[in-house]
């Protein structure tokens, strides 16, 4: 009977030890998962900030490209200004003569 009791106590001790090891392993895995979740949340926040910044840049570039004249408009404006300068020079020459 004492041997059975001793064997039962030994069995309970080994099961307790195994349960404690599993518990500590589960705690460790939980802590790792929580740290990973926190890291991922930080990454998501950083990426959201980047998305907002890039969206704002896209909006600015869209406005700038809309307001910016194209090459043909620039050439037409230069030609018109050159024509006006020539006419002004003619008028100045006529007035000085």
PDB file of N, CA and C in Angstrom:
ATOM      1  N   UNK A   1       0.816  -1.192   0.000  1.00  0.00           N
ATOM      2  CA  UNK A   1       0.000   0.000   0.000  1.00  0.00           C
ATOM      3  C   UNK A   1       0.860   1.257   0.000  1.00  0.00           C
ATOM      4  N   UNK A   2       1.941   1.243   0.808  1.00  0.00           N
ATOM      5  CA  UNK A   2       2.834   2.391   0.862  1.00  0.00           C
ATOM      6  C   UNK A   2       3.517   2.581  -0.471  1.00  0.00           C
ATOM      7  N   UNK A   3       3.798   1.478  -1.142  1.00  0.00           N
ATOM      8  CA  UNK A   3       4.443   1.564  -2.454  1.00  0.00           C
ATOM      9  C   UNK A   3       3.484   2.179  -3.451  1.00  0.00           C
ATOM     10  N   UNK A   4       2.210   1.812  -3.380  1.00  0.00           N
ATOM     11  CA  UNK A   4       1.216   2.396  -4.284  1.00  0.00           C
ATOM     12  C   UNK A   4       1.056   3.890  -4.024  1.00  0.00           C
ATOM     13  N   UNK A   5       1.058   4.256  -2.742  1.00  0.00           N
ATOM     14  CA  UNK A   5       0.930   5.663  -2.378  1.00  0.00           C
ATOM     15  C   UNK A   5       2.157   6.447  -2.852  1.00  0.00           C
ATOM     16  N   UNK A   6       3.327   5.858  -2.666  1.00  0.00           N
ATOM     17  CA  UNK A   6       4.558   6.501  -3.122  1.00  0.00           C
ATOM     18  C   UNK A   6       4.541   6.653  -4.642  1.00  0.00           C
ATOM     19  N   UNK A   7       4.078   5.615  -5.317  1.00  0.00           N
ATOM     20  CA  UNK A   7       3.998   5.646  -6.783  1.00  0.00           C
ATOM     21  C   UNK A   7       2.992   6.703  -7.234  1.00  0.00           C
ATOM     22  N   UNK A   8       1.875   6.845  -6.551  1.00  0.00           N
ATOM     23  CA  UNK A   8       0.861   7.850  -6.871  1.00  0.00           C
ATOM     24  C   UNK A   8       1.414   9.256  -6.662  1.00  0.00           C
ATOM     25  N   UNK A   9       2.148   9.455  -5.561  1.00  0.00           N
ATOM     26  CA  UNK A   9       2.750  10.766  -5.292  1.00  0.00           C
ATOM     27  C   UNK A   9       3.768  11.095  -6.376  1.00  0.00           C
ATOM     28  N   UNK A  10       4.572  10.120  -6.733  1.00  0.00           N
ATOM     29  CA  UNK A  10       5.571  10.339  -7.785  1.00  0.00           C
ATOM     30  C   UNK A  10       4.899  10.663  -9.109  1.00  0.00           C
ATOM     31  N   UNK A  11       3.818   9.997  -9.414  1.00  0.00           N
ATOM     32  CA  UNK A  11       3.069  10.249 -10.653  1.00  0.00           C
ATOM     33  C   UNK A  11       2.485  11.660 -10.647  1.00  0.00           C
ATOM     34  N   UNK A  12       1.927  12.052  -9.499  1.00  0.00           N
ATOM     35  CA  UNK A  12       1.368  13.400  -9.385  1.00  0.00           C
ATOM     36  C   UNK A  12       2.459  14.464  -9.514  1.00  0.00           C
ATOM     37  N   UNK A  13       3.642  14.206  -8.946  1.00  0.00           N
ATOM     38  CA  UNK A  13       4.747  15.157  -9.056  1.00  0.00           C
ATOM     39  C   UNK A  13       5.174  15.325 -10.519  1.00  0.00           C
ATOM     40  N   UNK A  14       5.281  14.221 -11.245  1.00  0.00           N
ATOM     41  CA  UNK A  14       5.710  14.309 -12.645  1.00  0.00           C
ATOM     42  C   UNK A  14       4.643  15.014 -13.489  1.00  0.00           C
ATOM     43  N   UNK A  15       3.386  14.745 -13.211  1.00  0.00           N
ATOM     44  CA  UNK A  15       2.310  15.436 -13.942  1.00  0.00           C
ATOM     45  C   UNK A  15       2.300  16.921 -13.599  1.00  0.00           C
ATOM     46  N   UNK A  16       2.547  17.240 -12.334  1.00  0.00           N
ATOM     47  CA  UNK A  16       2.616  18.642 -11.917  1.00  0.00           C
ATOM     48  C   UNK A  16       3.773  19.348 -12.617  1.00  0.00           C
ATOM     49  N   UNK A  17       4.916  18.683 -12.687  1.00  0.00           N
ATOM     50  CA  UNK A  17       6.087  19.246 -13.353  1.00  0.00           C
ATOM     51  C   UNK A  17       5.788  19.492 -14.839  1.00  0.00           C
ATOM     52  N   UNK A  18       5.168  18.511 -15.490  1.00  0.00           N
ATOM     53  CA  UNK A  18       4.823  18.651 -16.918  1.00  0.00           C
ATOM     54  C   UNK A  18       3.816  19.781 -17.116  1.00  0.00           C
ATOM     55  N   UNK A  19       2.839  19.875 -16.239  1.00  0.00           N
ATOM     56  CA  UNK A  19       1.844  20.937 -16.329  1.00  0.00           C
ATOM     57  C   UNK A  19       2.490  22.306 -16.135  1.00  0.00           C
ATOM     58  N   UNK A  20       3.415  22.408 -15.191  1.00  0.00           N
ATOM     59  CA  UNK A  20       4.109  23.675 -14.944  1.00  0.00           C
ATOM     60  C   UNK A  20       4.943  24.068 -16.172  1.00  0.00           C
ATOM     61  N   UNK A  21       5.631  23.104 -16.764  1.00  0.00           N
ATOM     62  CA  UNK A  21       6.425  23.383 -17.967  1.00  0.00           C
ATOM     63  C   UNK A  21       5.531  23.855 -19.105  1.00  0.00           C
ATOM     64  N   UNK A  22       4.399  23.192 -19.318  1.00  0.00           N
ATOM     65  CA  UNK A  22       3.467  23.608 -20.370  1.00  0.00           C
ATOM     66  C   UNK A  22       2.920  25.012 -20.106  1.00  0.00           C
ATOM     67  N   UNK A  23       2.637  25.287 -18.834  1.00  0.00           N
ATOM     68  CA  UNK A  23       2.127  26.607 -18.463  1.00  0.00           C
ATOM     69  C   UNK A  23       3.157  27.688 -18.789  1.00  0.00           C
ATOM     70  N   UNK A  24       4.409  27.458 -18.414  1.00  0.00           N
ATOM     71  CA  UNK A  24       5.462  28.440 -18.684  1.00  0.00           C
ATOM     72  C   UNK A  24       5.698  28.593 -20.190  1.00  0.00           C
ATOM     73  N   UNK A  25       5.590  27.508 -20.920  1.00  0.00           N
ATOM     74  CA  UNK A  25       5.725  27.581 -22.375  1.00  0.00           C
ATOM     75  C   UNK A  25       4.579  28.384 -22.988  1.00  0.00           C
ATOM     76  N   UNK A  26       3.362  28.161 -22.480  1.00  0.00           N
ATOM     77  CA  UNK A  26       2.204  28.914 -22.976  1.00  0.00           C
ATOM     78  C   UNK A  26       2.356  30.404 -22.652  1.00  0.00           C
ATOM     79  N   UNK A  27       2.839  30.716 -21.479  1.00  0.00           N
ATOM     80  CA  UNK A  27       3.071  32.119 -21.088  1.00  0.00           C
ATOM     81  C   UNK A  27       4.105  32.744 -22.015  1.00  0.00           C
ATOM     82  N   UNK A  28       5.162  32.010 -22.288  1.00  0.00           N
ATOM     83  CA  UNK A  28       6.215  32.510 -23.173  1.00  0.00           C
ATOM     84  C   UNK A  28       5.667  32.760 -24.579  1.00  0.00           C
ATOM     85  N   UNK A  29       4.881  31.835 -25.087  1.00  0.00           N
ATOM     86  CA  UNK A  29       4.280  31.997 -26.414  1.00  0.00           C
ATOM     87  C   UNK A  29       3.315  33.175 -26.438  1.00  0.00           C
ATOM     88  N   UNK A  30       2.538  33.347 -25.365  1.00  0.00           N
ATOM     89  CA  UNK A  30       1.620  34.478 -25.282  1.00  0.00           C
ATOM     90  C   UNK A  30       2.381  35.799 -25.296  1.00  0.00           C
ATOM     91  N   UNK A  31       3.463  35.860 -24.515  1.00  0.00           N
ATOM     92  CA  UNK A  31       4.268  37.081 -24.468  1.00  0.00           C
ATOM     93  C   UNK A  31       4.879  37.384 -25.838  1.00  0.00           C
ATOM     94  N   UNK A  32       5.360  36.356 -26.512  1.00  0.00           N
ATOM     95  CA  UNK A  32       5.921  36.537 -27.858  1.00  0.00           C
ATOM     96  C   UNK A  32       4.850  37.031 -28.828  1.00  0.00           C
ATOM     97  N   UNK A  33       3.663  36.449 -28.736  1.00  0.00           N
ATOM     98  CA  UNK A  33       2.572  36.854 -29.623  1.00  0.00           C
ATOM     99  C   UNK A  33       2.143  38.292 -29.343  1.00  0.00           C
ATOM    100  N   UNK A  34       2.116  38.671 -28.073  1.00  0.00           N
ATOM    101  CA  UNK A  34       1.735  40.049 -27.733  1.00  0.00           C
ATOM    102  C   UNK A  34       2.781  41.040 -28.218  1.00  0.00           C
ATOM    103  N   UNK A  35       4.060  40.677 -28.093  1.00  0.00           N
ATOM    104  CA  UNK A  35       5.123  41.548 -28.591  1.00  0.00           C
ATOM    105  C   UNK A  35       5.031  41.667 -30.110  1.00  0.00           C
ATOM    106  N   UNK A  36       4.783  40.561 -30.770  1.00  0.00           N
ATOM    107  CA  UNK A  36       4.643  40.568 -32.239  1.00  0.00           C
ATOM    108  C   UNK A  36       3.444  41.422 -32.648  1.00  0.00           C
ATOM    109  N   UNK A  37       2.341  41.311 -31.924  1.00  0.00           N
ATOM    110  CA  UNK A  37       1.161  42.121 -32.221  1.00  0.00           C
ATOM    111  C   UNK A  37       1.455  43.604 -32.044  1.00  0.00           C
ATOM    112  N   UNK A  38       2.183  43.949 -30.988  1.00  0.00           N
ATOM    113  CA  UNK A  38       2.544  45.353 -30.752  1.00  0.00           C
ATOM    114  C   UNK A  38       3.454  45.861 -31.874  1.00  0.00           C
ATOM    115  N   UNK A  39       4.409  45.023 -32.289  1.00  0.00           N
ATOM    116  CA  UNK A  39       5.295  45.415 -33.397  1.00  0.00           C
ATOM    117  C   UNK A  39       4.500  45.627 -34.681  1.00  0.00           C
ATOM    118  N   UNK A  40       3.555  44.748 -34.937  1.00  0.00           N
ATOM    119  CA  UNK A  40       2.739  44.878 -36.147  1.00  0.00           C
ATOM    120  C   UNK A  40       1.851  46.114 -36.086  1.00  0.00           C
ATOM    121  N   UNK A  41       1.312  46.415 -34.915  1.00  0.00           N
ATOM    122  CA  UNK A  41       0.497  47.623 -34.774  1.00  0.00           C
ATOM    123  C   UNK A  41       1.343  48.862 -35.027  1.00  0.00           C
ATOM    124  N   UNK A  42       2.578  48.864 -34.530  1.00  0.00           N
ATOM    125  CA  UNK A  42       3.479  49.987 -34.782  1.00  0.00           C
ATOM    126  C   UNK A  42       3.762  50.118 -36.280  1.00  0.00           C
ATOM    127  N   UNK A  43       4.006  48.989 -36.923  1.00  0.00           N
ATOM    128  CA  UNK A  43       4.269  48.994 -38.367  1.00  0.00           C
ATOM    129  C   UNK A  43       3.059  49.523 -39.127  1.00  0.00           C
ATOM    130  N   UNK A  44       1.879  49.117 -38.724  1.00  0.00           N
ATOM    131  CA  UNK A  44       0.652  49.592 -39.388  1.00  0.00           C
ATOM    132  C   UNK A  44       0.519  51.103 -39.224  1.00  0.00           C
ATOM    133  N   UNK A  45       0.763  51.618 -38.025  1.00  0.00           N
ATOM    134  CA  UNK A  45       0.676  53.065 -37.804  1.00  0.00           C
ATOM    135  C   UNK A  45       1.693  53.812 -38.667  1.00  0.00           C
ATOM    136  N   UNK A  46       2.906  53.290 -38.736  1.00  0.00           N
ATOM    137  CA  UNK A  46       3.941  53.924 -39.568  1.00  0.00           C
ATOM    138  C   UNK A  46       3.529  53.915 -41.043  1.00  0.00           C
ATOM    139  N   UNK A  47       2.988  52.808 -41.503  1.00  0.00           N
ATOM    140  CA  UNK A  47       2.571  52.711 -42.898  1.00  0.00           C
ATOM    141  C   UNK A  47       1.381  53.616 -43.180  1.00  0.00           C
ATOM    142  N   UNK A  48       0.491  53.765 -42.211  1.00  0.00           N
ATOM    143  CA  UNK A  48      -0.632  54.684 -42.393  1.00  0.00           C
ATOM    144  C   UNK A  48      -0.128  56.119 -42.504  1.00  0.00           C
ATOM    145  N   UNK A  49       0.872  56.479 -41.691  1.00  0.00           N
ATOM    146  CA  UNK A  49       1.460  57.817 -41.801  1.00  0.00           C
ATOM    147  C   UNK A  49       2.116  58.007 -43.164  1.00  0.00           C
ATOM    148  N   UNK A  50       2.813  56.977 -43.631  1.00  0.00           N
ATOM    149  CA  UNK A  50       3.439  57.057 -44.956  1.00  0.00           C
ATOM    150  C   UNK A  50       2.383  57.204 -46.052  1.00  0.00           C
ATOM    151  N   UNK A  51       1.301  56.460 -45.927  1.00  0.00           N
ATOM    152  CA  UNK A  51       0.219  56.543 -46.917  1.00  0.00           C
ATOM    153  C   UNK A  51      -0.372  57.946 -46.929  1.00  0.00           C
ATOM    154  N   UNK A  52      -0.606  58.514 -45.754  1.00  0.00           N
ATOM    155  CA  UNK A  52      -1.156  59.878 -45.676  1.00  0.00           C
ATOM    156  C   UNK A  52      -0.198  60.884 -46.304  1.00  0.00           C
ATOM    157  N   UNK A  53       1.103  60.743 -45.987  1.00  0.00           N
ATOM    158  CA  UNK A  53       2.104  61.658 -46.532  1.00  0.00           C
ATOM    159  C   UNK A  53       2.185  61.524 -48.056  1.00  0.00           C
ATOM    160  N   UNK A  54       2.189  60.296 -48.539  1.00  0.00           N
ATOM    161  CA  UNK A  54       2.272  60.079 -49.987  1.00  0.00           C
ATOM    162  C   UNK A  54       0.993  60.533 -50.698  1.00  0.00           C
ATOM    163  N   UNK A  55      -0.147  60.343 -50.054  1.00  0.00           N
ATOM    164  CA  UNK A  55      -1.405  60.815 -50.642  1.00  0.00           C
ATOM    165  C   UNK A  55      -1.395  62.331 -50.770  1.00  0.00           C
ATOM    166  N   UNK A  56      -0.865  62.996 -49.748  1.00  0.00           N
ATOM    167  CA  UNK A  56      -0.769  64.453 -49.790  1.00  0.00           C
ATOM    168  C   UNK A  56       0.185  64.884 -50.900  1.00  0.00           C
ATOM    169  N   UNK A  57       1.289  64.179 -51.060  1.00  0.00           N
ATOM    170  CA  UNK A  57       2.219  64.503 -52.137  1.00  0.00           C
ATOM    171  C   UNK A  57       1.573  64.295 -53.502  1.00  0.00           C
ATOM    172  N   UNK A  58       0.809  63.230 -53.654  1.00  0.00           N
ATOM    173  CA  UNK A  58       0.110  62.980 -54.912  1.00  0.00           C
ATOM    174  C   UNK A  58      -0.867  64.117 -55.196  1.00  0.00           C
ATOM    175  N   UNK A  59      -1.581  64.552 -54.153  1.00  0.00           N
ATOM    176  CA  UNK A  59      -2.527  65.657 -54.321  1.00  0.00           C
ATOM    177  C   UNK A  59      -1.794  66.936 -54.744  1.00  0.00           C
ATOM    178  N   UNK A  60      -0.680  67.233 -54.089  1.00  0.00           N
ATOM    179  CA  UNK A  60       0.105  68.416 -54.449  1.00  0.00           C
ATOM    180  C   UNK A  60       0.604  68.324 -55.883  1.00  0.00           C
ATOM    181  N   UNK A  61       1.117  67.156 -56.248  1.00  0.00           N
ATOM    182  CA  UNK A  61       1.634  66.982 -57.606  1.00  0.00           C
ATOM    183  C   UNK A  61       0.524  67.081 -58.648  1.00  0.00           C
ATOM    184  N   UNK A  62      -0.656  66.619 -58.305  1.00  0.00           N
ATOM    185  CA  UNK A  62      -1.790  66.728 -59.216  1.00  0.00           C
ATOM    186  C   UNK A  62      -2.146  68.192 -59.431  1.00  0.00           C
ATOM    187  N   UNK A  63      -2.173  68.962 -58.340  1.00  0.00           N
ATOM    188  CA  UNK A  63      -2.477  70.390 -58.440  1.00  0.00           C
ATOM    189  C   UNK A  63      -1.407  71.095 -59.253  1.00  0.00           C
ATOM    190  N   UNK A  64      -0.148  70.788 -58.982  1.00  0.00           N
ATOM    191  CA  UNK A  64       0.950  71.438 -59.688  1.00  0.00           C
ATOM    192  C   UNK A  64       0.913  71.086 -61.171  1.00  0.00           C
ATOM    193  N   UNK A  65       0.687  69.828 -61.486  1.00  0.00           N
ATOM    194  CA  UNK A  65       0.675  69.441 -62.905  1.00  0.00           C
ATOM    195  C   UNK A  65      -0.525  70.035 -63.626  1.00  0.00           C
ATOM    196  N   UNK A  66      -1.618  70.249 -62.911  1.00  0.00           N
ATOM    197  CA  UNK A  66      -2.791  70.869 -63.518  1.00  0.00           C
ATOM    198  C   UNK A  66      -2.528  72.345 -63.772  1.00  0.00           C
ATOM    199  N   UNK A  67      -1.875  73.004 -62.832  1.00  0.00           N
ATOM    200  CA  UNK A  67      -1.614  74.434 -62.960  1.00  0.00           C
ATOM    201  C   UNK A  67      -0.418  74.712 -63.865  1.00  0.00           C
ATOM    202  N   UNK A  68       0.454  73.764 -64.046  1.00  0.00           N
ATOM    203  CA  UNK A  68       1.660  73.957 -64.843  1.00  0.00           C
ATOM    204  C   UNK A  68       1.317  73.896 -66.330  1.00  0.00           C
ATOM    205  N   UNK A  69       1.731  74.918 -67.088  1.00  0.00           N
ATOM    206  CA  UNK A  69       1.428  74.901 -68.519  1.00  0.00           C
ATOM    207  C   UNK A  69       2.263  73.850 -69.239  1.00  0.00           C
ATOM    208  N   UNK A  70       1.723  73.379 -70.357  1.00  0.00           N
ATOM    209  CA  UNK A  70       2.504  72.415 -71.118  1.00  0.00           C
ATOM    210  C   UNK A  70       3.469  73.141 -72.054  1.00  0.00           C
ATOM    211  N   UNK A  71       4.292  72.422 -72.745  1.00  0.00           N
ATOM    212  CA  UNK A  71       5.370  72.982 -73.567  1.00  0.00           C
ATOM    213  C   UNK A  71       4.817  73.891 -74.677  1.00  0.00           C
ATOM    214  N   UNK A  72       3.719  73.506 -75.305  1.00  0.00           N
ATOM    215  CA  UNK A  72       3.138  74.323 -76.380  1.00  0.00           C
ATOM    216  C   UNK A  72       2.688  75.681 -75.858  1.00  0.00           C
ATOM    217  N   UNK A  73       2.063  75.693 -74.666  1.00  0.00           N
ATOM    218  CA  UNK A  73       1.622  76.958 -74.083  1.00  0.00           C
ATOM    219  C   UNK A  73       2.805  77.880 -73.791  1.00  0.00           C
ATOM    220  N   UNK A  74       3.883  77.305 -73.306  1.00  0.00           N
ATOM    221  CA  UNK A  74       5.076  78.102 -73.006  1.00  0.00           C
ATOM    222  C   UNK A  74       5.640  78.700 -74.290  1.00  0.00           C
ATOM    223  N   UNK A  75       5.728  77.907 -75.340  1.00  0.00           N
ATOM    224  CA  UNK A  75       6.266  78.397 -76.619  1.00  0.00           C
ATOM    225  C   UNK A  75       5.364  79.479 -77.211  1.00  0.00           C
ATOM    226  N   UNK A  76       4.053  79.308 -77.121  1.00  0.00           N
ATOM    227  CA  UNK A  76       3.128  80.323 -77.631  1.00  0.00           C
ATOM    228  C   UNK A  76       3.279  81.625 -76.852  1.00  0.00           C
ATOM    229  N   UNK A  77       3.422  81.507 -75.537  1.00  0.00           N
ATOM    230  CA  UNK A  77       3.592  82.701 -74.711  1.00  0.00           C
ATOM    231  C   UNK A  77       4.896  83.420 -75.052  1.00  0.00           C
ATOM    232  N   UNK A  78       5.961  82.668 -75.250  1.00  0.00           N
ATOM    233  CA  UNK A  78       7.238  83.285 -75.624  1.00  0.00           C
ATOM    234  C   UNK A  78       7.133  83.987 -76.977  1.00  0.00           C
ATOM    235  N   UNK A  79       6.473  83.339 -77.912  1.00  0.00           N
ATOM    236  CA  UNK A  79       6.324  83.942 -79.238  1.00  0.00           C
ATOM    237  C   UNK A  79       5.499  85.231 -79.145  1.00  0.00           C
ATOM    238  N   UNK A  80       4.436  85.212 -78.354  1.00  0.00           N
ATOM    239  CA  UNK A  80       3.604  86.397 -78.194  1.00  0.00           C
ATOM    240  C   UNK A  80       4.400  87.534 -77.546  1.00  0.00           C
ATOM    241  N   UNK A  81       5.179  87.188 -76.480  1.00  0.00           N
ATOM    242  CA  UNK A  81       5.995  88.208 -75.823  1.00  0.00           C
ATOM    243  C   UNK A  81       7.065  88.759 -76.765  1.00  0.00           C
ATOM    244  N   UNK A  82       7.654  87.901 -77.558  1.00  0.00           N
ATOM    245  CA  UNK A  82       8.657  88.377 -78.526  1.00  0.00           C
ATOM    246  C   UNK A  82       8.022  89.334 -79.520  1.00  0.00           C
ATOM    247  N   UNK A  83       6.816  89.001 -79.975  1.00  0.00           N
ATOM    248  CA  UNK A  83       6.098  89.881 -80.894  1.00  0.00           C
ATOM    249  C   UNK A  83       5.792  91.224 -80.257  1.00  0.00           C
ATOM    250  N   UNK A  84       5.365  91.207 -79.009  1.00  0.00           N
ATOM    251  CA  UNK A  84       5.072  92.451 -78.305  1.00  0.00           C
ATOM    252  C   UNK A  84       6.334  93.290 -78.112  1.00  0.00           C
ATOM    253  N   UNK A  85       7.446  92.654 -77.796  1.00  0.00           N
ATOM    254  CA  UNK A  85       8.704  93.382 -77.633  1.00  0.00           C
ATOM    255  C   UNK A  85       9.111  94.025 -78.955  1.00  0.00           C
ATOM    256  N   UNK A  86       8.944  93.325 -80.066  1.00  0.00           N
ATOM    257  CA  UNK A  86       9.270  93.899 -81.377  1.00  0.00           C
ATOM    258  C   UNK A  86       8.400  95.114 -81.670  1.00  0.00           C
ATOM    259  N   UNK A  87       7.113  95.004 -81.355  1.00  0.00           N
ATOM    260  CA  UNK A  87       6.212  96.138 -81.602  1.00  0.00           C
ATOM    261  C   UNK A  87       6.595  97.327 -80.725  1.00  0.00           C
ATOM    262  N   UNK A  88       6.960  97.047 -79.472  1.00  0.00           N
ATOM    263  CA  UNK A  88       7.397  98.131 -78.576  1.00  0.00           C
ATOM    264  C   UNK A  88       8.667  98.786 -79.137  1.00  0.00           C
ATOM    265  N   UNK A  89       9.599  97.979 -79.628  1.00  0.00           N
ATOM    266  CA  UNK A  89      10.830  98.526 -80.223  1.00  0.00           C
ATOM    267  C   UNK A  89      10.504  99.387 -81.440  1.00  0.00           C
ATOM    268  N   UNK A  90       9.546  98.963 -82.259  1.00  0.00           N
ATOM    269  CA  UNK A  90       9.152  99.747 -83.435  1.00  0.00           C
ATOM    270  C   UNK A  90       8.567 101.083 -82.981  1.00  0.00           C
ATOM    271  N   UNK A  91       7.715 101.020 -81.948  1.00  0.00           N
ATOM    272  CA  UNK A  91       7.092 102.253 -81.450  1.00  0.00           C
ATOM    273  C   UNK A  91       8.152 103.203 -80.896  1.00  0.00           C
ATOM    274  N   UNK A  92       9.123 102.678 -80.182  1.00  0.00           N
ATOM    275  CA  UNK A  92      10.210 103.504 -79.633  1.00  0.00           C
ATOM    276  C   UNK A  92      11.008 104.111 -80.764  1.00  0.00           C
ATOM    277  N   UNK A  93      11.297 103.344 -81.809  1.00  0.00           N
ATOM    278  CA  UNK A  93      12.036 103.853 -82.964  1.00  0.00           C
ATOM    279  C   UNK A  93      11.229 104.959 -83.660  1.00  0.00           C
ATOM    280  N   UNK A  94       9.924 104.754 -83.810  1.00  0.00           N
ATOM    281  CA  UNK A  94       9.074 105.763 -84.463  1.00  0.00           C
ATOM    282  C   UNK A  94       9.054 107.054 -83.627  1.00  0.00           C
ATOM    283  N   UNK A  95       9.013 106.937 -82.322  1.00  0.00           N
ATOM    284  CA  UNK A  95       8.966 108.114 -81.464  1.00  0.00           C
ATOM    285  C   UNK A  95      10.305 108.865 -81.457  1.00  0.00           C
ATOM    286  N   UNK A  96      11.395 108.136 -81.561  1.00  0.00           N
ATOM    287  CA  UNK A  96      12.708 108.804 -81.547  1.00  0.00           C
ATOM    288  C   UNK A  96      13.032 109.419 -82.888  1.00  0.00           C
ATOM    289  N   UNK A  97      12.427 108.995 -83.948  1.00  0.00           N
ATOM    290  CA  UNK A  97      12.696 109.580 -85.278  1.00  0.00           C
ATOM    291  C   UNK A  97      12.029 110.864 -85.468  1.00  0.00           C
TER     292      UNK A  97
END
